[in-house]
Structure formats: C-alpha cells, structure tokens
Amino acid sequence: MPAIPESTRSSIVMRLLDHAEKNWPQLSEVHARYRGSFAYISGVLPDGEQIPCGPAAGTWLLMMRPGRSCR
C-alpha cells in the first residue's frame, strides 16, 4: 500500500482540527497516525479519554463507544 504523502497528512490534520473546533467542541485534542494508505484518527476528551475515529481512506468513519457522543 502506498503511504499518504506528507502534504496530505498535514492537510488531514488541519481539516480535522477545524472540523473538531466547529462540530466537537468537547474534544481537547485530535490525534492522527498513519499506516500505509490509512489515517487512524482519535479525539481526546478533557478527562484524557481517547475516542477512536478511524481508519479513514477517502471516507470518515466515526467509531463510538456506547454512551459517548462526539456531538
């Protein structure tokens, strides 16, 4: 699998930060890590709990635990 180019990685992070600020104000951080052509995204709540929001390859999949909501 081809790796995601560095320019695209930067763009993903910037877009996620902007989207999170507007749509998920309760997130204190957004993290992205990459493996091959996938980006694994997680949001961090103020209490330090991480919510996985990936993998993403062209579309975004938001994975939630029961009882949690990013909205």
Protein backbone atom coordinates (compact mmCIF):
# COMPACT_ATOMS: atom_id res chain seq x y z
CA MET A 1 0.00 0.00 0.00
CA PRO A 2 1.33 3.42 -0.87
CA ALA A 3 1.89 5.79 2.02
CA ILE A 4 -0.06 9.02 2.41
CA PRO A 5 2.13 11.92 1.20
CA GLU A 6 3.36 14.35 3.87
CA SER A 7 1.44 17.24 2.27
CA THR A 8 -1.80 15.25 2.55
CA ARG A 9 -1.01 14.30 6.15
CA SER A 10 -0.67 17.98 7.06
CA SER A 11 -3.90 18.77 5.25
CA ILE A 12 -5.76 15.98 7.08
CA VAL A 13 -4.66 17.30 10.47
CA MET A 14 -5.56 20.91 9.64
CA ARG A 15 -9.00 19.91 8.32
CA LEU A 16 -9.67 17.70 11.34
CA LEU A 17 -8.71 20.44 13.79
CA ASP A 18 -11.00 22.90 12.02
CA HIS A 19 -13.87 20.38 11.87
CA ALA A 20 -13.44 19.38 15.52
CA GLU A 21 -13.44 23.02 16.66
CA LYS A 22 -16.76 23.63 14.89
CA ASN A 23 -18.53 20.30 15.46
CA TRP A 24 -16.95 18.64 18.51
CA PRO A 25 -16.09 21.46 20.93
CA GLN A 26 -15.81 19.00 23.82
CA LEU A 27 -12.65 17.47 22.30
CA SER A 28 -9.48 18.89 23.77
CA GLU A 29 -7.17 17.33 21.15
CA VAL A 30 -7.24 15.47 17.84
CA HIS A 31 -4.53 12.93 17.03
CA ALA A 32 -3.65 11.33 13.69
CA ARG A 33 -1.29 8.45 13.00
CA TYR A 34 -0.63 6.81 9.67
CA ARG A 35 -0.01 3.31 8.38
CA GLY A 36 0.16 2.70 4.66
CA SER A 37 -2.75 4.41 2.96
CA PHE A 38 -4.79 4.71 6.17
CA ALA A 39 -5.09 7.51 8.70
CA TYR A 40 -6.09 6.49 12.22
CA ILE A 41 -7.78 9.38 13.97
CA SER A 42 -8.67 9.80 17.62
CA GLY A 43 -10.19 12.58 19.63
CA VAL A 44 -9.21 13.25 23.24
CA LEU A 45 -11.75 14.38 25.82
CA PRO A 46 -10.76 16.80 28.60
CA ASP A 47 -10.54 13.89 31.08
CA GLY A 48 -7.90 12.25 28.85
CA GLU A 49 -10.13 9.52 27.40
CA GLN A 50 -9.37 8.82 23.73
CA ILE A 51 -12.18 8.18 21.26
CA PRO A 52 -11.02 6.39 18.09
CA CYS A 53 -12.33 7.94 14.87
CA GLY A 54 -10.64 5.92 12.11
CA PRO A 55 -9.38 4.32 9.90
CA ALA A 56 -10.08 6.72 7.07
CA ALA A 57 -9.41 6.16 3.38
CA GLY A 58 -11.49 8.55 1.33
CA THR A 59 -14.41 8.48 3.78
CA TRP A 60 -14.52 9.13 7.51
CA LEU A 61 -15.76 6.56 9.96
CA LEU A 62 -16.53 7.70 13.48
CA MET A 63 -16.29 4.87 15.97
CA MET A 64 -18.06 5.49 19.25
CA ARG A 65 -18.36 3.59 22.49
CA PRO A 66 -21.86 3.14 23.94
CA GLY A 67 -22.84 6.19 25.95
CA ARG A 68 -20.40 8.55 24.23
CA SER A 69 -21.10 11.12 21.55
CA CYS A 70 -18.80 13.50 19.68
CA ARG A 71 -21.72 15.86 19.01
